[in-house]
């Protein structure tokens, strides 16, 4: 009976050691998986920051272009208004001549 208990005890200890080793391996694999995911997240974060900076530069450049376009339109409108006044004055002169 003692021999059977020793054998059973050894089998239990052996199985326990195998389970502990398996658990350690699984934990190590899980840590590696998490570390890989963390690297991917950090890399994605870096790409996002880089893309945001590029987008902000483009927006800044677009604002500058919009300001230039606005100035051009303002000058064009001013020129059109001047031309309109000249045309209006000429029309009034023609009307005055026709009315005489």
PDB file of N, CA and C in Angstrom:
ATOM      1  N   UNK A   1       0.822  -1.188   0.000  1.00  0.00           N
ATOM      2  CA  UNK A   1       0.000   0.000   0.000  1.00  0.00           C
ATOM      3  C   UNK A   1       0.870   1.256   0.000  1.00  0.00           C
ATOM      4  N   UNK A   2       1.932   1.274   0.713  1.00  0.00           N
ATOM      5  CA  UNK A   2       2.829   2.405   0.789  1.00  0.00           C
ATOM      6  C   UNK A   2       3.468   2.663  -0.572  1.00  0.00           C
ATOM      7  N   UNK A   3       3.772   1.580  -1.244  1.00  0.00           N
ATOM      8  CA  UNK A   3       4.378   1.709  -2.562  1.00  0.00           C
ATOM      9  C   UNK A   3       3.383   2.359  -3.540  1.00  0.00           C
ATOM     10  N   UNK A   4       2.111   1.980  -3.457  1.00  0.00           N
ATOM     11  CA  UNK A   4       1.076   2.578  -4.302  1.00  0.00           C
ATOM     12  C   UNK A   4       0.897   4.059  -3.991  1.00  0.00           C
ATOM     13  N   UNK A   5       0.987   4.415  -2.707  1.00  0.00           N
ATOM     14  CA  UNK A   5       0.855   5.825  -2.309  1.00  0.00           C
ATOM     15  C   UNK A   5       2.035   6.627  -2.816  1.00  0.00           C
ATOM     16  N   UNK A   6       3.222   6.045  -2.747  1.00  0.00           N
ATOM     17  CA  UNK A   6       4.401   6.750  -3.248  1.00  0.00           C
ATOM     18  C   UNK A   6       4.271   6.993  -4.761  1.00  0.00           C
ATOM     19  N   UNK A   7       3.789   5.949  -5.451  1.00  0.00           N
ATOM     20  CA  UNK A   7       3.609   6.060  -6.899  1.00  0.00           C
ATOM     21  C   UNK A   7       2.546   7.110  -7.230  1.00  0.00           C
ATOM     22  N   UNK A   8       1.442   7.095  -6.469  1.00  0.00           N
ATOM     23  CA  UNK A   8       0.371   8.059  -6.682  1.00  0.00           C
ATOM     24  C   UNK A   8       0.857   9.462  -6.353  1.00  0.00           C
ATOM     25  N   UNK A   9       1.602   9.605  -5.292  1.00  0.00           N
ATOM     26  CA  UNK A   9       2.141  10.898  -4.876  1.00  0.00           C
ATOM     27  C   UNK A   9       3.111  11.416  -5.936  1.00  0.00           C
ATOM     28  N   UNK A  10       3.943  10.532  -6.456  1.00  0.00           N
ATOM     29  CA  UNK A  10       4.878  10.939  -7.501  1.00  0.00           C
ATOM     30  C   UNK A  10       4.127  11.349  -8.767  1.00  0.00           C
ATOM     31  N   UNK A  11       3.102  10.602  -9.121  1.00  0.00           N
ATOM     32  CA  UNK A  11       2.312  10.920 -10.308  1.00  0.00           C
ATOM     33  C   UNK A  11       1.615  12.268 -10.131  1.00  0.00           C
ATOM     34  N   UNK A  12       1.100  12.507  -8.937  1.00  0.00           N
ATOM     35  CA  UNK A  12       0.432  13.784  -8.649  1.00  0.00           C
ATOM     36  C   UNK A  12       1.436  14.926  -8.733  1.00  0.00           C
ATOM     37  N   UNK A  13       2.595  14.727  -8.113  1.00  0.00           N
ATOM     38  CA  UNK A  13       3.632  15.775  -8.153  1.00  0.00           C
ATOM     39  C   UNK A  13       4.108  16.032  -9.588  1.00  0.00           C
ATOM     40  N   UNK A  14       4.253  14.936 -10.346  1.00  0.00           N
ATOM     41  CA  UNK A  14       4.680  15.072 -11.734  1.00  0.00           C
ATOM     42  C   UNK A  14       3.629  15.839 -12.550  1.00  0.00           C
ATOM     43  N   UNK A  15       2.372  15.468 -12.363  1.00  0.00           N
ATOM     44  CA  UNK A  15       1.276  16.144 -13.063  1.00  0.00           C
ATOM     45  C   UNK A  15       1.201  17.614 -12.641  1.00  0.00           C
ATOM     46  N   UNK A  16       1.395  17.867 -11.343  1.00  0.00           N
ATOM     47  CA  UNK A  16       1.376  19.232 -10.821  1.00  0.00           C
ATOM     48  C   UNK A  16       2.493  20.053 -11.471  1.00  0.00           C
ATOM     49  N   UNK A  17       3.688  19.460 -11.565  1.00  0.00           N
ATOM     50  CA  UNK A  17       4.831  20.152 -12.174  1.00  0.00           C
ATOM     51  C   UNK A  17       4.544  20.420 -13.648  1.00  0.00           C
ATOM     52  N   UNK A  18       3.961  19.466 -14.356  1.00  0.00           N
ATOM     53  CA  UNK A  18       3.628  19.645 -15.765  1.00  0.00           C
ATOM     54  C   UNK A  18       2.621  20.793 -15.936  1.00  0.00           C
ATOM     55  N   UNK A  19       1.617  20.819 -15.070  1.00  0.00           N
ATOM     56  CA  UNK A  19       0.617  21.882 -15.137  1.00  0.00           C
ATOM     57  C   UNK A  19       1.227  23.246 -14.838  1.00  0.00           C
ATOM     58  N   UNK A  20       2.133  23.284 -13.851  1.00  0.00           N
ATOM     59  CA  UNK A  20       2.813  24.544 -13.523  1.00  0.00           C
ATOM     60  C   UNK A  20       3.671  25.017 -14.698  1.00  0.00           C
ATOM     61  N   UNK A  21       4.390  24.069 -15.316  1.00  0.00           N
ATOM     62  CA  UNK A  21       5.215  24.424 -16.476  1.00  0.00           C
ATOM     63  C   UNK A  21       4.339  24.927 -17.633  1.00  0.00           C
ATOM     64  N   UNK A  22       3.251  24.228 -17.847  1.00  0.00           N
ATOM     65  CA  UNK A  22       2.332  24.631 -18.911  1.00  0.00           C
ATOM     66  C   UNK A  22       1.755  26.023 -18.623  1.00  0.00           C
ATOM     67  N   UNK A  23       1.410  26.282 -17.371  1.00  0.00           N
ATOM     68  CA  UNK A  23       0.877  27.589 -16.986  1.00  0.00           C
ATOM     69  C   UNK A  23       1.925  28.677 -17.200  1.00  0.00           C
ATOM     70  N   UNK A  24       3.196  28.381 -16.844  1.00  0.00           N
ATOM     71  CA  UNK A  24       4.274  29.357 -17.052  1.00  0.00           C
ATOM     72  C   UNK A  24       4.441  29.663 -18.543  1.00  0.00           C
ATOM     73  N   UNK A  25       4.394  28.622 -19.359  1.00  0.00           N
ATOM     74  CA  UNK A  25       4.540  28.809 -20.804  1.00  0.00           C
ATOM     75  C   UNK A  25       3.390  29.656 -21.342  1.00  0.00           C
ATOM     76  N   UNK A  26       2.167  29.350 -20.910  1.00  0.00           N
ATOM     77  CA  UNK A  26       1.003  30.113 -21.361  1.00  0.00           C
ATOM     78  C   UNK A  26       1.090  31.566 -20.925  1.00  0.00           C
ATOM     79  N   UNK A  27       1.552  31.790 -19.710  1.00  0.00           N
ATOM     80  CA  UNK A  27       1.713  33.158 -19.212  1.00  0.00           C
ATOM     81  C   UNK A  27       2.768  33.896 -20.027  1.00  0.00           C
ATOM     82  N   UNK A  28       3.879  33.214 -20.308  1.00  0.00           N
ATOM     83  CA  UNK A  28       4.932  33.838 -21.120  1.00  0.00           C
ATOM     84  C   UNK A  28       4.424  34.178 -22.509  1.00  0.00           C
ATOM     85  N   UNK A  29       3.662  33.276 -23.105  1.00  0.00           N
ATOM     86  CA  UNK A  29       3.108  33.525 -24.438  1.00  0.00           C
ATOM     87  C   UNK A  29       2.126  34.685 -24.400  1.00  0.00           C
ATOM     88  N   UNK A  30       1.325  34.743 -23.352  1.00  0.00           N
ATOM     89  CA  UNK A  30       0.359  35.844 -23.211  1.00  0.00           C
ATOM     90  C   UNK A  30       1.093  37.180 -23.051  1.00  0.00           C
ATOM     91  N   UNK A  31       2.190  37.174 -22.281  1.00  0.00           N
ATOM     92  CA  UNK A  31       2.979  38.396 -22.117  1.00  0.00           C
ATOM     93  C   UNK A  31       3.570  38.830 -23.449  1.00  0.00           C
ATOM     94  N   UNK A  32       4.084  37.884 -24.230  1.00  0.00           N
ATOM     95  CA  UNK A  32       4.635  38.217 -25.545  1.00  0.00           C
ATOM     96  C   UNK A  32       3.554  38.772 -26.466  1.00  0.00           C
ATOM     97  N   UNK A  33       2.376  38.165 -26.411  1.00  0.00           N
ATOM     98  CA  UNK A  33       1.259  38.626 -27.232  1.00  0.00           C
ATOM     99  C   UNK A  33       0.875  40.050 -26.847  1.00  0.00           C
ATOM    100  N   UNK A  34       0.797  40.313 -25.541  1.00  0.00           N
ATOM    101  CA  UNK A  34       0.456  41.657 -25.065  1.00  0.00           C
ATOM    102  C   UNK A  34       1.529  42.673 -25.447  1.00  0.00           C
ATOM    103  N   UNK A  35       2.794  42.254 -25.355  1.00  0.00           N
ATOM    104  CA  UNK A  35       3.888  43.157 -25.728  1.00  0.00           C
ATOM    105  C   UNK A  35       3.804  43.497 -27.217  1.00  0.00           C
ATOM    106  N   UNK A  36       3.481  42.503 -28.041  1.00  0.00           N
ATOM    107  CA  UNK A  36       3.333  42.738 -29.479  1.00  0.00           C
ATOM    108  C   UNK A  36       2.171  43.691 -29.747  1.00  0.00           C
ATOM    109  N   UNK A  37       1.046  43.477 -29.080  1.00  0.00           N
ATOM    110  CA  UNK A  37      -0.108  44.362 -29.239  1.00  0.00           C
ATOM    111  C   UNK A  37       0.229  45.782 -28.796  1.00  0.00           C
ATOM    112  N   UNK A  38       0.985  45.889 -27.715  1.00  0.00           N
ATOM    113  CA  UNK A  38       1.378  47.207 -27.215  1.00  0.00           C
ATOM    114  C   UNK A  38       2.256  47.922 -28.248  1.00  0.00           C
ATOM    115  N   UNK A  39       3.198  47.184 -28.862  1.00  0.00           N
ATOM    116  CA  UNK A  39       4.039  47.783 -29.900  1.00  0.00           C
ATOM    117  C   UNK A  39       3.184  48.261 -31.075  1.00  0.00           C
ATOM    118  N   UNK A  40       2.216  47.451 -31.460  1.00  0.00           N
ATOM    119  CA  UNK A  40       1.323  47.838 -32.571  1.00  0.00           C
ATOM    120  C   UNK A  40       0.541  49.095 -32.230  1.00  0.00           C
ATOM    121  N   UNK A  41       0.054  49.162 -31.001  1.00  0.00           N
ATOM    122  CA  UNK A  41      -0.704  50.332 -30.560  1.00  0.00           C
ATOM    123  C   UNK A  41       0.189  51.573 -30.559  1.00  0.00           C
ATOM    124  N   UNK A  42       1.397  51.442 -30.051  1.00  0.00           N
ATOM    125  CA  UNK A  42       2.318  52.581 -30.014  1.00  0.00           C
ATOM    126  C   UNK A  42       2.680  53.031 -31.428  1.00  0.00           C
ATOM    127  N   UNK A  43       2.880  52.062 -32.320  1.00  0.00           N
ATOM    128  CA  UNK A  43       3.210  52.397 -33.695  1.00  0.00           C
ATOM    129  C   UNK A  43       2.022  53.094 -34.363  1.00  0.00           C
ATOM    130  N   UNK A  44       0.830  52.590 -34.122  1.00  0.00           N
ATOM    131  CA  UNK A  44      -0.366  53.225 -34.677  1.00  0.00           C
ATOM    132  C   UNK A  44      -0.519  54.639 -34.140  1.00  0.00           C
ATOM    133  N   UNK A  45      -0.261  54.789 -32.866  1.00  0.00           N
ATOM    134  CA  UNK A  45      -0.354  56.110 -32.241  1.00  0.00           C
ATOM    135  C   UNK A  45       0.641  57.076 -32.904  1.00  0.00           C
ATOM    136  N   UNK A  46       1.845  56.597 -33.170  1.00  0.00           N
ATOM    137  CA  UNK A  46       2.852  57.447 -33.819  1.00  0.00           C
ATOM    138  C   UNK A  46       2.390  57.844 -35.211  1.00  0.00           C
ATOM    139  N   UNK A  47       1.804  56.902 -35.965  1.00  0.00           N
ATOM    140  CA  UNK A  47       1.296  57.214 -37.303  1.00  0.00           C
ATOM    141  C   UNK A  47       0.167  58.241 -37.222  1.00  0.00           C
ATOM    142  N   UNK A  48      -0.701  58.084 -36.255  1.00  0.00           N
ATOM    143  CA  UNK A  48      -1.818  59.019 -36.099  1.00  0.00           C
ATOM    144  C   UNK A  48      -1.301  60.422 -35.809  1.00  0.00           C
ATOM    145  N   UNK A  49      -0.345  60.522 -34.913  1.00  0.00           N
ATOM    146  CA  UNK A  49       0.228  61.832 -34.573  1.00  0.00           C
ATOM    147  C   UNK A  49       0.888  62.441 -35.804  1.00  0.00           C
ATOM    148  N   UNK A  50       1.635  61.627 -36.547  1.00  0.00           N
ATOM    149  CA  UNK A  50       2.313  62.109 -37.746  1.00  0.00           C
ATOM    150  C   UNK A  50       1.293  62.600 -38.781  1.00  0.00           C
ATOM    151  N   UNK A  51       0.242  61.836 -38.984  1.00  0.00           N
ATOM    152  CA  UNK A  51      -0.790  62.231 -39.945  1.00  0.00           C
ATOM    153  C   UNK A  51      -1.534  63.485 -39.498  1.00  0.00           C
ATOM    154  N   UNK A  52      -1.768  63.620 -38.199  1.00  0.00           N
ATOM    155  CA  UNK A  52      -2.428  64.821 -37.675  1.00  0.00           C
ATOM    156  C   UNK A  52      -1.572  66.051 -37.930  1.00  0.00           C
ATOM    157  N   UNK A  53      -0.259  65.914 -37.733  1.00  0.00           N
ATOM    158  CA  UNK A  53       0.635  67.047 -37.982  1.00  0.00           C
ATOM    159  C   UNK A  53       0.613  67.442 -39.453  1.00  0.00           C
ATOM    160  N   UNK A  54       0.632  66.443 -40.339  1.00  0.00           N
ATOM    161  CA  UNK A  54       0.561  66.735 -41.769  1.00  0.00           C
ATOM    162  C   UNK A  54      -0.752  67.444 -42.099  1.00  0.00           C
ATOM    163  N   UNK A  55      -1.847  66.944 -41.549  1.00  0.00           N
ATOM    164  CA  UNK A  55      -3.162  67.538 -41.819  1.00  0.00           C
ATOM    165  C   UNK A  55      -3.216  68.970 -41.311  1.00  0.00           C
ATOM    166  N   UNK A  56      -2.637  69.215 -40.140  1.00  0.00           N
ATOM    167  CA  UNK A  56      -2.641  70.572 -39.587  1.00  0.00           C
ATOM    168  C   UNK A  56      -1.829  71.514 -40.474  1.00  0.00           C
ATOM    169  N   UNK A  57      -0.697  71.031 -41.019  1.00  0.00           N
ATOM    170  CA  UNK A  57       0.097  71.862 -41.921  1.00  0.00           C
ATOM    171  C   UNK A  57      -0.702  72.179 -43.176  1.00  0.00           C
ATOM    172  N   UNK A  58      -1.410  71.173 -43.710  1.00  0.00           N
ATOM    173  CA  UNK A  58      -2.212  71.390 -44.907  1.00  0.00           C
ATOM    174  C   UNK A  58      -3.333  72.397 -44.645  1.00  0.00           C
ATOM    175  N   UNK A  59      -3.957  72.296 -43.480  1.00  0.00           N
ATOM    176  CA  UNK A  59      -5.025  73.245 -43.135  1.00  0.00           C
ATOM    177  C   UNK A  59      -4.448  74.649 -43.036  1.00  0.00           C
ATOM    178  N   UNK A  60      -3.278  74.751 -42.431  1.00  0.00           N
ATOM    179  CA  UNK A  60      -2.634  76.059 -42.302  1.00  0.00           C
ATOM    180  C   UNK A  60      -2.326  76.632 -43.692  1.00  0.00           C
ATOM    181  N   UNK A  61      -1.824  75.778 -44.591  1.00  0.00           N
ATOM    182  CA  UNK A  61      -1.518  76.219 -45.944  1.00  0.00           C
ATOM    183  C   UNK A  61      -2.809  76.608 -46.669  1.00  0.00           C
ATOM    184  N   UNK A  62      -3.860  75.810 -46.477  1.00  0.00           N
ATOM    185  CA  UNK A  62      -5.144  76.116 -47.113  1.00  0.00           C
ATOM    186  C   UNK A  62      -5.685  77.451 -46.625  1.00  0.00           C
ATOM    187  N   UNK A  63      -5.515  77.733 -45.367  1.00  0.00           N
ATOM    188  CA  UNK A  63      -5.988  79.018 -44.828  1.00  0.00           C
ATOM    189  C   UNK A  63      -5.259  80.172 -45.503  1.00  0.00           C
ATOM    190  N   UNK A  64      -3.957  80.000 -45.696  1.00  0.00           N
ATOM    191  CA  UNK A  64      -3.183  81.040 -46.373  1.00  0.00           C
ATOM    192  C   UNK A  64      -3.670  81.252 -47.793  1.00  0.00           C
ATOM    193  N   UNK A  65      -3.932  80.148 -48.497  1.00  0.00           N
ATOM    194  CA  UNK A  65      -4.443  80.256 -49.860  1.00  0.00           C
ATOM    195  C   UNK A  65      -5.813  80.910 -49.880  1.00  0.00           C
ATOM    196  N   UNK A  66      -6.654  80.554 -48.907  1.00  0.00           N
ATOM    197  CA  UNK A  66      -7.985  81.164 -48.834  1.00  0.00           C
ATOM    198  C   UNK A  66      -7.902  82.663 -48.587  1.00  0.00           C
ATOM    199  N   UNK A  67      -6.972  83.073 -47.739  1.00  0.00           N
ATOM    200  CA  UNK A  67      -6.807  84.501 -47.478  1.00  0.00           C
ATOM    201  C   UNK A  67      -6.392  85.230 -48.756  1.00  0.00           C
ATOM    202  N   UNK A  68      -5.470  84.612 -49.514  1.00  0.00           N
ATOM    203  CA  UNK A  68      -5.039  85.229 -50.771  1.00  0.00           C
ATOM    204  C   UNK A  68      -6.209  85.323 -51.750  1.00  0.00           C
ATOM    205  N   UNK A  69      -6.978  84.262 -51.863  1.00  0.00           N
ATOM    206  CA  UNK A  69      -8.129  84.261 -52.762  1.00  0.00           C
ATOM    207  C   UNK A  69      -9.159  85.313 -52.344  1.00  0.00           C
ATOM    208  N   UNK A  70      -9.347  85.468 -51.038  1.00  0.00           N
ATOM    209  CA  UNK A  70     -10.291  86.473 -50.546  1.00  0.00           C
ATOM    210  C   UNK A  70      -9.835  87.873 -50.947  1.00  0.00           C
ATOM    211  N   UNK A  71      -8.533  88.144 -50.808  1.00  0.00           N
ATOM    212  CA  UNK A  71      -8.013  89.459 -51.201  1.00  0.00           C
ATOM    213  C   UNK A  71      -8.214  89.691 -52.697  1.00  0.00           C
ATOM    214  N   UNK A  72      -7.934  88.657 -53.497  1.00  0.00           N
ATOM    215  CA  UNK A  72      -8.132  88.793 -54.944  1.00  0.00           C
ATOM    216  C   UNK A  72      -9.590  89.110 -55.264  1.00  0.00           C
ATOM    217  N   UNK A  73     -10.511  88.409 -54.603  1.00  0.00           N
ATOM    218  CA  UNK A  73     -11.932  88.666 -54.834  1.00  0.00           C
ATOM    219  C   UNK A  73     -12.329  90.076 -54.406  1.00  0.00           C
ATOM    220  N   UNK A  74     -11.779  90.530 -53.285  1.00  0.00           N
ATOM    221  CA  UNK A  74     -12.090  91.886 -52.825  1.00  0.00           C
ATOM    222  C   UNK A  74     -11.620  92.917 -53.854  1.00  0.00           C
ATOM    223  N   UNK A  75     -10.412  92.741 -54.405  1.00  0.00           N
ATOM    224  CA  UNK A  75      -9.915  93.660 -55.425  1.00  0.00           C
ATOM    225  C   UNK A  75     -10.779  93.601 -56.684  1.00  0.00           C
ATOM    226  N   UNK A  76     -11.171  92.407 -57.071  1.00  0.00           N
ATOM    227  CA  UNK A  76     -12.006  92.234 -58.251  1.00  0.00           C
ATOM    228  C   UNK A  76     -13.357  92.932 -58.071  1.00  0.00           C
ATOM    229  N   UNK A  77     -13.944  92.762 -56.894  1.00  0.00           N
ATOM    230  CA  UNK A  77     -15.226  93.421 -56.604  1.00  0.00           C
ATOM    231  C   UNK A  77     -15.066  94.935 -56.629  1.00  0.00           C
ATOM    232  N   UNK A  78     -13.978  95.412 -56.042  1.00  0.00           N
ATOM    233  CA  UNK A  78     -13.731  96.855 -56.044  1.00  0.00           C
ATOM    234  C   UNK A  78     -13.596  97.368 -57.483  1.00  0.00           C
ATOM    235  N   UNK A  79     -12.863  96.632 -58.329  1.00  0.00           N
ATOM    236  CA  UNK A  79     -12.704  97.028 -59.730  1.00  0.00           C
ATOM    237  C   UNK A  79     -14.050  97.031 -60.451  1.00  0.00           C
ATOM    238  N   UNK A  80     -14.872  96.016 -60.177  1.00  0.00           N
ATOM    239  CA  UNK A  80     -16.192  95.955 -60.811  1.00  0.00           C
ATOM    240  C   UNK A  80     -17.071  97.126 -60.379  1.00  0.00           C
ATOM    241  N   UNK A  81     -17.009  97.457 -59.096  1.00  0.00           N
ATOM    242  CA  UNK A  81     -17.793  98.596 -58.613  1.00  0.00           C
ATOM    243  C   UNK A  81     -17.325  99.892 -59.271  1.00  0.00           C
ATOM    244  N   UNK A  82     -16.013 100.060 -59.430  1.00  0.00           N
ATOM    245  CA  UNK A  82     -15.488 101.257 -60.101  1.00  0.00           C
ATOM    246  C   UNK A  82     -15.981 101.295 -61.548  1.00  0.00           C
ATOM    247  N   UNK A  83     -15.898 100.158 -62.203  1.00  0.00           N
ATOM    248  CA  UNK A  83     -16.337 100.089 -63.605  1.00  0.00           C
ATOM    249  C   UNK A  83     -17.819 100.391 -63.707  1.00  0.00           C
ATOM    250  N   UNK A  84     -18.594  99.922 -62.749  1.00  0.00           N
ATOM    251  CA  UNK A  84     -20.034 100.168 -62.753  1.00  0.00           C
ATOM    252  C   UNK A  84     -20.328 101.660 -62.640  1.00  0.00           C
ATOM    253  N   UNK A  85     -19.581 102.326 -61.740  1.00  0.00           N
ATOM    254  CA  UNK A  85     -19.779 103.770 -61.580  1.00  0.00           C
ATOM    255  C   UNK A  85     -19.452 104.492 -62.879  1.00  0.00           C
ATOM    256  N   UNK A  86     -18.362 104.102 -63.530  1.00  0.00           N
ATOM    257  CA  UNK A  86     -17.991 104.736 -64.797  1.00  0.00           C
ATOM    258  C   UNK A  86     -19.073 104.493 -65.839  1.00  0.00           C
ATOM    259  N   UNK A  87     -19.544 103.286 -65.913  1.00  0.00           N
ATOM    260  CA  UNK A  87     -20.599 102.946 -66.869  1.00  0.00           C
ATOM    261  C   UNK A  87     -21.873 103.722 -66.555  1.00  0.00           C
ATOM    262  N   UNK A  88     -22.197 103.833 -65.280  1.00  0.00           N
ATOM    263  CA  UNK A  88     -23.403 104.570 -64.885  1.00  0.00           C
ATOM    264  C   UNK A  88     -23.279 106.036 -65.281  1.00  0.00           C
ATOM    265  N   UNK A  89     -22.108 106.608 -65.043  1.00  0.00           N
ATOM    266  CA  UNK A  89     -21.887 108.005 -65.406  1.00  0.00           C
ATOM    267  C   UNK A  89     -21.993 108.197 -66.917  1.00  0.00           C
ATOM    268  N   UNK A  90     -21.416 107.268 -67.680  1.00  0.00           N
ATOM    269  CA  UNK A  90     -21.483 107.361 -69.138  1.00  0.00           C
ATOM    270  C   UNK A  90     -22.931 107.250 -69.610  1.00  0.00           C
ATOM    271  N   UNK A  91     -23.687 106.335 -68.985  1.00  0.00           N
ATOM    272  CA  UNK A  91     -25.095 106.176 -69.361  1.00  0.00           C
ATOM    273  C   UNK A  91     -25.880 107.459 -69.072  1.00  0.00           C
ATOM    274  N   UNK A  92     -25.600 108.089 -67.944  1.00  0.00           N
ATOM    275  CA  UNK A  92     -26.291 109.344 -67.610  1.00  0.00           C
ATOM    276  C   UNK A  92     -25.940 110.434 -68.616  1.00  0.00           C
ATOM    277  N   UNK A  93     -24.671 110.482 -69.045  1.00  0.00           N
ATOM    278  CA  UNK A  93     -24.257 111.477 -70.041  1.00  0.00           C
ATOM    279  C   UNK A  93     -24.967 111.227 -71.373  1.00  0.00           C
ATOM    280  N   UNK A  94     -25.059 109.939 -71.771  1.00  0.00           N
ATOM    281  CA  UNK A  94     -25.740 109.597 -73.022  1.00  0.00           C
ATOM    282  C   UNK A  94     -27.221 109.974 -72.914  1.00  0.00           C
ATOM    283  N   UNK A  95     -27.837 109.707 -71.778  1.00  0.00           N
ATOM    284  CA  UNK A  95     -29.249 110.040 -71.576  1.00  0.00           C
ATOM    285  C   UNK A  95     -29.450 111.550 -71.643  1.00  0.00           C
ATOM    286  N   UNK A  96     -28.526 112.286 -71.048  1.00  0.00           N
ATOM    287  CA  UNK A  96     -28.642 113.747 -71.075  1.00  0.00           C
ATOM    288  C   UNK A  96     -28.543 114.264 -72.496  1.00  0.00           C
ATOM    289  N   UNK A  97     -27.633 113.643 -73.268  1.00  0.00           N
ATOM    290  CA  UNK A  97     -27.488 114.070 -74.671  1.00  0.00           C
ATOM    291  C   UNK A  97     -28.762 113.718 -75.456  1.00  0.00           C
ATOM    292  N   UNK A  98     -29.293 112.538 -75.213  1.00  0.00           N
ATOM    293  CA  UNK A  98     -30.499 112.115 -75.915  1.00  0.00           C
ATOM    294  C   UNK A  98     -31.683 112.977 -75.513  1.00  0.00           C
ATOM    295  N   UNK A  99     -31.761 113.361 -74.254  1.00  0.00           N
ATOM    296  CA  UNK A  99     -32.872 114.178 -73.768  1.00  0.00           C
ATOM    297  C   UNK A  99     -32.833 115.585 -74.372  1.00  0.00           C
ATOM    298  N   UNK A 100     -31.719 116.073 -74.799  1.00  0.00           N
ATOM    299  CA  UNK A 100     -31.609 117.443 -75.340  1.00  0.00           C
ATOM    300  C   UNK A 100     -32.182 117.524 -76.657  1.00  0.00           C
TER     301      UNK A 100
END
